[in-house]
Amino acid sequence: MNESPRKELYRTSDDKIIAGVCGGLAQYLNLDPGLVRIGTVVLSLFTGVPVIVYLVAMFVLPERTSLR
């Protein structure tokens, strides 16, 4: 069987502005980090839920210091 490498969700130290949650999520989803950050801000303005999720993820997700 052809097994693909396992994807992991983590905070990144290479592409972070506050805690690296959006940068890590962007790498996990193969998206531009700017789009993830803009989406987070827009959703936060209307619902406030991403703020709570971001704070939880900031403490729960492990930090990866290298993209390799």
PDB file of N, CA and C in Angstrom:
ATOM      1  N   MET A   1       0.820  -1.180   0.000  1.00  0.00           N
ATOM      2  CA  MET A   1       0.000   0.000   0.000  1.00  0.00           C
ATOM      3  C   MET A   1       0.867   1.248   0.000  1.00  0.00           C
ATOM      4  N   ASN A   2       0.315   2.296  -0.551  1.00  0.00           N
ATOM      5  CA  ASN A   2       1.013   3.575  -0.616  1.00  0.00           C
ATOM      6  C   ASN A   2       0.530   4.459   0.531  1.00  0.00           C
ATOM      7  N   GLU A   3       1.356   4.597   1.545  1.00  0.00           N
ATOM      8  CA  GLU A   3       0.980   5.404   2.698  1.00  0.00           C
ATOM      9  C   GLU A   3       1.564   6.798   2.569  1.00  0.00           C
ATOM     10  N   SER A   4       0.709   7.797   2.723  1.00  0.00           N
ATOM     11  CA  SER A   4       1.190   9.171   2.686  1.00  0.00           C
ATOM     12  C   SER A   4       1.667   9.557   4.083  1.00  0.00           C
ATOM     13  N   PRO A   5       2.574  10.527   4.175  1.00  0.00           N
ATOM     14  CA  PRO A   5       3.051  10.944   5.490  1.00  0.00           C
ATOM     15  C   PRO A   5       1.903  11.519   6.328  1.00  0.00           C
ATOM     16  N   ARG A   6       1.943  11.245   7.599  1.00  0.00           N
ATOM     17  CA  ARG A   6       0.893  11.704   8.501  1.00  0.00           C
ATOM     18  C   ARG A   6       1.002  13.200   8.728  1.00  0.00           C
ATOM     19  N   LYS A   7      -0.112  13.904   8.549  1.00  0.00           N
ATOM     20  CA  LYS A   7      -0.135  15.339   8.771  1.00  0.00           C
ATOM     21  C   LYS A   7      -0.366  15.610  10.250  1.00  0.00           C
ATOM     22  N   GLU A   8       0.340  16.597  10.764  1.00  0.00           N
ATOM     23  CA  GLU A   8       0.191  16.984  12.164  1.00  0.00           C
ATOM     24  C   GLU A   8      -0.141  18.463  12.249  1.00  0.00           C
ATOM     25  N   LEU A   9      -1.018  18.794  13.160  1.00  0.00           N
ATOM     26  CA  LEU A   9      -1.374  20.179  13.412  1.00  0.00           C
ATOM     27  C   LEU A   9      -0.529  20.680  14.571  1.00  0.00           C
ATOM     28  N   TYR A  10       0.143  21.799  14.369  1.00  0.00           N
ATOM     29  CA  TYR A  10       1.034  22.352  15.378  1.00  0.00           C
ATOM     30  C   TYR A  10       1.126  23.854  15.205  1.00  0.00           C
ATOM     31  N   ARG A  11       1.689  24.518  16.215  1.00  0.00           N
ATOM     32  CA  ARG A  11       2.004  25.948  16.097  1.00  0.00           C
ATOM     33  C   ARG A  11       3.376  26.055  15.454  1.00  0.00           C
ATOM     34  N   THR A  12       3.557  27.032  14.611  1.00  0.00           N
ATOM     35  CA  THR A  12       4.847  27.197  13.956  1.00  0.00           C
ATOM     36  C   THR A  12       5.585  28.403  14.535  1.00  0.00           C
ATOM     37  N   SER A  13       6.884  28.269  14.637  1.00  0.00           N
ATOM     38  CA  SER A  13       7.687  29.405  15.098  1.00  0.00           C
ATOM     39  C   SER A  13       8.296  30.148  13.916  1.00  0.00           C
ATOM     40  N   ASP A  14       8.237  29.534  12.726  1.00  0.00           N
ATOM     41  CA  ASP A  14       8.811  30.153  11.531  1.00  0.00           C
ATOM     42  C   ASP A  14       7.880  31.183  10.889  1.00  0.00           C
ATOM     43  N   ASP A  15       6.568  30.986  11.045  1.00  0.00           N
ATOM     44  CA  ASP A  15       5.589  31.866  10.399  1.00  0.00           C
ATOM     45  C   ASP A  15       4.533  32.255  11.418  1.00  0.00           C
ATOM     46  N   LYS A  16       4.935  33.079  12.376  1.00  0.00           N
ATOM     47  CA  LYS A  16       3.977  33.460  13.408  1.00  0.00           C
ATOM     48  C   LYS A  16       3.936  34.965  13.577  1.00  0.00           C
ATOM     49  N   ILE A  17       2.775  35.431  13.993  1.00  0.00           N
ATOM     50  CA  ILE A  17       2.609  36.833  14.345  1.00  0.00           C
ATOM     51  C   ILE A  17       2.347  36.932  15.846  1.00  0.00           C
ATOM     52  N   ILE A  18       1.405  36.146  16.351  1.00  0.00           N
ATOM     53  CA  ILE A  18       1.139  36.148  17.792  1.00  0.00           C
ATOM     54  C   ILE A  18       1.693  34.872  18.416  1.00  0.00           C
ATOM     55  N   ALA A  19       1.093  33.727  18.091  1.00  0.00           N
ATOM     56  CA  ALA A  19       1.538  32.474  18.711  1.00  0.00           C
ATOM     57  C   ALA A  19       1.822  31.380  17.695  1.00  0.00           C
ATOM     58  N   GLY A  20       1.580  31.629  16.421  1.00  0.00           N
ATOM     59  CA  GLY A  20       1.876  30.640  15.389  1.00  0.00           C
ATOM     60  C   GLY A  20       0.743  29.687  15.057  1.00  0.00           C
ATOM     61  N   VAL A  21      -0.445  29.911  15.633  1.00  0.00           N
ATOM     62  CA  VAL A  21      -1.572  29.011  15.394  1.00  0.00           C
ATOM     63  C   VAL A  21      -2.046  29.114  13.947  1.00  0.00           C
ATOM     64  N   CYS A  22      -2.238  30.306  13.440  1.00  0.00           N
ATOM     65  CA  CYS A  22      -2.704  30.474  12.053  1.00  0.00           C
ATOM     66  C   CYS A  22      -1.657  29.986  11.054  1.00  0.00           C
ATOM     67  N   GLY A  23      -0.392  30.208  11.341  1.00  0.00           N
ATOM     68  CA  GLY A  23       0.675  29.716  10.468  1.00  0.00           C
ATOM     69  C   GLY A  23       0.707  28.198  10.420  1.00  0.00           C
ATOM     70  N   GLY A  24       0.541  27.558  11.556  1.00  0.00           N
ATOM     71  CA  GLY A  24       0.501  26.101  11.604  1.00  0.00           C
ATOM     72  C   GLY A  24      -0.727  25.537  10.920  1.00  0.00           C
ATOM     73  N   LEU A  25      -1.872  26.193  11.111  1.00  0.00           N
ATOM     74  CA  LEU A  25      -3.104  25.759  10.455  1.00  0.00           C
ATOM     75  C   LEU A  25      -2.993  25.922   8.940  1.00  0.00           C
ATOM     76  N   ALA A  26      -2.371  26.994   8.500  1.00  0.00           N
ATOM     77  CA  ALA A  26      -2.182  27.214   7.062  1.00  0.00           C
ATOM     78  C   ALA A  26      -1.287  26.136   6.460  1.00  0.00           C
ATOM     79  N   GLN A  27      -0.236  25.751   7.163  1.00  0.00           N
ATOM     80  CA  GLN A  27       0.629  24.678   6.664  1.00  0.00           C
ATOM     81  C   GLN A  27      -0.113  23.356   6.629  1.00  0.00           C
ATOM     82  N   TYR A  28      -0.940  23.095   7.619  1.00  0.00           N
ATOM     83  CA  TYR A  28      -1.711  21.859   7.684  1.00  0.00           C
ATOM     84  C   TYR A  28      -2.706  21.766   6.523  1.00  0.00           C
ATOM     85  N   LEU A  29      -3.332  22.909   6.188  1.00  0.00           N
ATOM     86  CA  LEU A  29      -4.337  22.947   5.129  1.00  0.00           C
ATOM     87  C   LEU A  29      -3.759  23.302   3.759  1.00  0.00           C
ATOM     88  N   ASN A  30      -2.457  23.526   3.675  1.00  0.00           N
ATOM     89  CA  ASN A  30      -1.789  23.942   2.432  1.00  0.00           C
ATOM     90  C   ASN A  30      -2.405  25.216   1.859  1.00  0.00           C
ATOM     91  N   LEU A  31      -2.573  26.209   2.724  1.00  0.00           N
ATOM     92  CA  LEU A  31      -3.109  27.500   2.342  1.00  0.00           C
ATOM     93  C   LEU A  31      -2.104  28.590   2.661  1.00  0.00           C
ATOM     94  N   ASP A  32      -2.358  29.764   2.125  1.00  0.00           N
ATOM     95  CA  ASP A  32      -1.533  30.924   2.439  1.00  0.00           C
ATOM     96  C   ASP A  32      -1.853  31.393   3.861  1.00  0.00           C
ATOM     97  N   PRO A  33      -0.843  31.616   4.690  1.00  0.00           N
ATOM     98  CA  PRO A  33      -1.108  32.045   6.064  1.00  0.00           C
ATOM     99  C   PRO A  33      -1.901  33.349   6.145  1.00  0.00           C
ATOM    100  N   GLY A  34      -1.722  34.232   5.188  1.00  0.00           N
ATOM    101  CA  GLY A  34      -2.482  35.485   5.172  1.00  0.00           C
ATOM    102  C   GLY A  34      -3.977  35.250   5.039  1.00  0.00           C
ATOM    103  N   LEU A  35      -4.347  34.267   4.217  1.00  0.00           N
ATOM    104  CA  LEU A  35      -5.770  33.951   4.048  1.00  0.00           C
ATOM    105  C   LEU A  35      -6.364  33.389   5.339  1.00  0.00           C
ATOM    106  N   VAL A  36      -5.606  32.561   6.020  1.00  0.00           N
ATOM    107  CA  VAL A  36      -6.085  31.990   7.283  1.00  0.00           C
ATOM    108  C   VAL A  36      -6.238  33.099   8.320  1.00  0.00           C
ATOM    109  N   ARG A  37      -5.302  34.020   8.366  1.00  0.00           N
ATOM    110  CA  ARG A  37      -5.376  35.130   9.327  1.00  0.00           C
ATOM    111  C   ARG A  37      -6.563  36.046   9.022  1.00  0.00           C
ATOM    112  N   ILE A  38      -6.763  36.356   7.754  1.00  0.00           N
ATOM    113  CA  ILE A  38      -7.899  37.204   7.363  1.00  0.00           C
ATOM    114  C   ILE A  38      -9.218  36.508   7.697  1.00  0.00           C
ATOM    115  N   GLY A  39      -9.295  35.216   7.405  1.00  0.00           N
ATOM    116  CA  GLY A  39     -10.503  34.460   7.736  1.00  0.00           C
ATOM    117  C   GLY A  39     -10.767  34.436   9.227  1.00  0.00           C
ATOM    118  N   THR A  40      -9.714  34.315  10.006  1.00  0.00           N
ATOM    119  CA  THR A  40      -9.859  34.309  11.464  1.00  0.00           C
ATOM    120  C   THR A  40     -10.380  35.648  11.968  1.00  0.00           C
ATOM    121  N   VAL A  41      -9.853  36.734  11.434  1.00  0.00           N
ATOM    122  CA  VAL A  41     -10.295  38.066  11.857  1.00  0.00           C
ATOM    123  C   VAL A  41     -11.743  38.310  11.454  1.00  0.00           C
ATOM    124  N   VAL A  42     -12.091  37.961  10.223  1.00  0.00           N
ATOM    125  CA  VAL A  42     -13.461  38.183   9.748  1.00  0.00           C
ATOM    126  C   VAL A  42     -14.463  37.369  10.575  1.00  0.00           C
ATOM    127  N   LEU A  43     -14.153  36.090  10.801  1.00  0.00           N
ATOM    128  CA  LEU A  43     -15.053  35.273  11.618  1.00  0.00           C
ATOM    129  C   LEU A  43     -15.124  35.772  13.050  1.00  0.00           C
ATOM    130  N   SER A  44     -14.036  36.304  13.565  1.00  0.00           N
ATOM    131  CA  SER A  44     -14.024  36.835  14.931  1.00  0.00           C
ATOM    132  C   SER A  44     -14.914  38.068  15.052  1.00  0.00           C
ATOM    133  N   LEU A  45     -14.951  38.882  14.013  1.00  0.00           N
ATOM    134  CA  LEU A  45     -15.791  40.077  14.049  1.00  0.00           C
ATOM    135  C   LEU A  45     -17.267  39.728  14.113  1.00  0.00           C
ATOM    136  N   PHE A  46     -17.669  38.638  13.458  1.00  0.00           N
ATOM    137  CA  PHE A  46     -19.079  38.271  13.402  1.00  0.00           C
ATOM    138  C   PHE A  46     -19.509  37.320  14.516  1.00  0.00           C
ATOM    139  N   THR A  47     -18.606  36.443  14.973  1.00  0.00           N
ATOM    140  CA  THR A  47     -19.028  35.433  15.942  1.00  0.00           C
ATOM    141  C   THR A  47     -18.227  35.457  17.241  1.00  0.00           C
ATOM    142  N   GLY A  48     -16.967  35.773  17.196  1.00  0.00           N
ATOM    143  CA  GLY A  48     -16.123  35.743  18.380  1.00  0.00           C
ATOM    144  C   GLY A  48     -15.571  34.365  18.708  1.00  0.00           C
ATOM    145  N   VAL A  49     -16.076  33.335  18.049  1.00  0.00           N
ATOM    146  CA  VAL A  49     -15.638  31.962  18.318  1.00  0.00           C
ATOM    147  C   VAL A  49     -14.154  31.753  18.008  1.00  0.00           C
ATOM    148  N   PRO A  50     -13.613  32.253  16.893  1.00  0.00           N
ATOM    149  CA  PRO A  50     -12.191  32.019  16.617  1.00  0.00           C
ATOM    150  C   PRO A  50     -11.252  32.546  17.700  1.00  0.00           C
ATOM    151  N   VAL A  51     -11.657  33.561  18.423  1.00  0.00           N
ATOM    152  CA  VAL A  51     -10.816  34.087  19.500  1.00  0.00           C
ATOM    153  C   VAL A  51     -10.658  33.028  20.583  1.00  0.00           C
ATOM    154  N   ILE A  52     -11.753  32.386  20.950  1.00  0.00           N
ATOM    155  CA  ILE A  52     -11.716  31.349  21.981  1.00  0.00           C
ATOM    156  C   ILE A  52     -10.926  30.142  21.486  1.00  0.00           C
ATOM    157  N   VAL A  53     -11.172  29.737  20.238  1.00  0.00           N
ATOM    158  CA  VAL A  53     -10.465  28.585  19.661  1.00  0.00           C
ATOM    159  C   VAL A  53      -8.976  28.878  19.561  1.00  0.00           C
ATOM    160  N   TYR A  54      -8.611  30.104  19.166  1.00  0.00           N
ATOM    161  CA  TYR A  54      -7.210  30.486  19.059  1.00  0.00           C
ATOM    162  C   TYR A  54      -6.521  30.408  20.421  1.00  0.00           C
ATOM    163  N   LEU A  55      -7.175  30.919  21.447  1.00  0.00           N
ATOM    164  CA  LEU A  55      -6.582  30.896  22.790  1.00  0.00           C
ATOM    165  C   LEU A  55      -6.391  29.468  23.296  1.00  0.00           C
ATOM    166  N   VAL A  56      -7.354  28.607  23.043  1.00  0.00           N
ATOM    167  CA  VAL A  56      -7.217  27.209  23.449  1.00  0.00           C
ATOM    168  C   VAL A  56      -6.081  26.549  22.673  1.00  0.00           C
ATOM    169  N   ALA A  57      -6.048  26.765  21.348  1.00  0.00           N
ATOM    170  CA  ALA A  57      -5.013  26.159  20.502  1.00  0.00           C
ATOM    171  C   ALA A  57      -3.622  26.655  20.881  1.00  0.00           C
ATOM    172  N   MET A  58      -3.537  27.885  21.334  1.00  0.00           N
ATOM    173  CA  MET A  58      -2.253  28.464  21.712  1.00  0.00           C
ATOM    174  C   MET A  58      -1.617  27.671  22.864  1.00  0.00           C
ATOM    175  N   PHE A  59      -2.446  27.126  23.741  1.00  0.00           N
ATOM    176  CA  PHE A  59      -1.925  26.376  24.879  1.00  0.00           C
ATOM    177  C   PHE A  59      -1.902  24.878  24.660  1.00  0.00           C
ATOM    178  N   VAL A  60      -2.723  24.368  23.741  1.00  0.00           N
ATOM    179  CA  VAL A  60      -2.843  22.924  23.540  1.00  0.00           C
ATOM    180  C   VAL A  60      -1.896  22.395  22.466  1.00  0.00           C
ATOM    181  N   LEU A  61      -1.766  23.129  21.367  1.00  0.00           N
ATOM    182  CA  LEU A  61      -0.944  22.644  20.257  1.00  0.00           C
ATOM    183  C   LEU A  61       0.539  22.729  20.574  1.00  0.00           C
ATOM    184  N   PRO A  62       1.288  21.711  20.214  1.00  0.00           N
ATOM    185  CA  PRO A  62       2.741  21.781  20.401  1.00  0.00           C
ATOM    186  C   PRO A  62       3.360  22.726  19.373  1.00  0.00           C
ATOM    187  N   GLU A  63       4.512  23.281  19.706  1.00  0.00           N
ATOM    188  CA  GLU A  63       5.200  24.190  18.783  1.00  0.00           C
ATOM    189  C   GLU A  63       6.271  23.432  18.028  1.00  0.00           C
ATOM    190  N   ARG A  64       6.292  23.615  16.729  1.00  0.00           N
ATOM    191  CA  ARG A  64       7.347  23.033  15.892  1.00  0.00           C
ATOM    192  C   ARG A  64       8.258  24.169  15.471  1.00  0.00           C
ATOM    193  N   THR A  65       9.546  24.016  15.725  1.00  0.00           N
ATOM    194  CA  THR A  65      10.486  25.097  15.462  1.00  0.00           C
ATOM    195  C   THR A  65      11.050  25.055  14.057  1.00  0.00           C
ATOM    196  N   SER A  66      10.906  23.955  13.357  1.00  0.00           N
ATOM    197  CA  SER A  66      11.460  23.826  12.006  1.00  0.00           C
ATOM    198  C   SER A  66      10.413  23.266  11.074  1.00  0.00           C
ATOM    199  N   LEU A  67      10.423  23.726   9.815  1.00  0.00           N
ATOM    200  CA  LEU A  67       9.459  23.240   8.825  1.00  0.00           C
ATOM    201  C   LEU A  67       9.896  21.910   8.221  1.00  0.00           C
ATOM    202  N   ARG A  68      11.053  21.436   8.523  1.00  0.00           N
ATOM    203  CA  ARG A  68      11.562  20.205   7.921  1.00  0.00           C
ATOM    204  C   ARG A  68      11.023  18.989   8.580  1.00  0.00           C
TER     205      ARG A  68
END
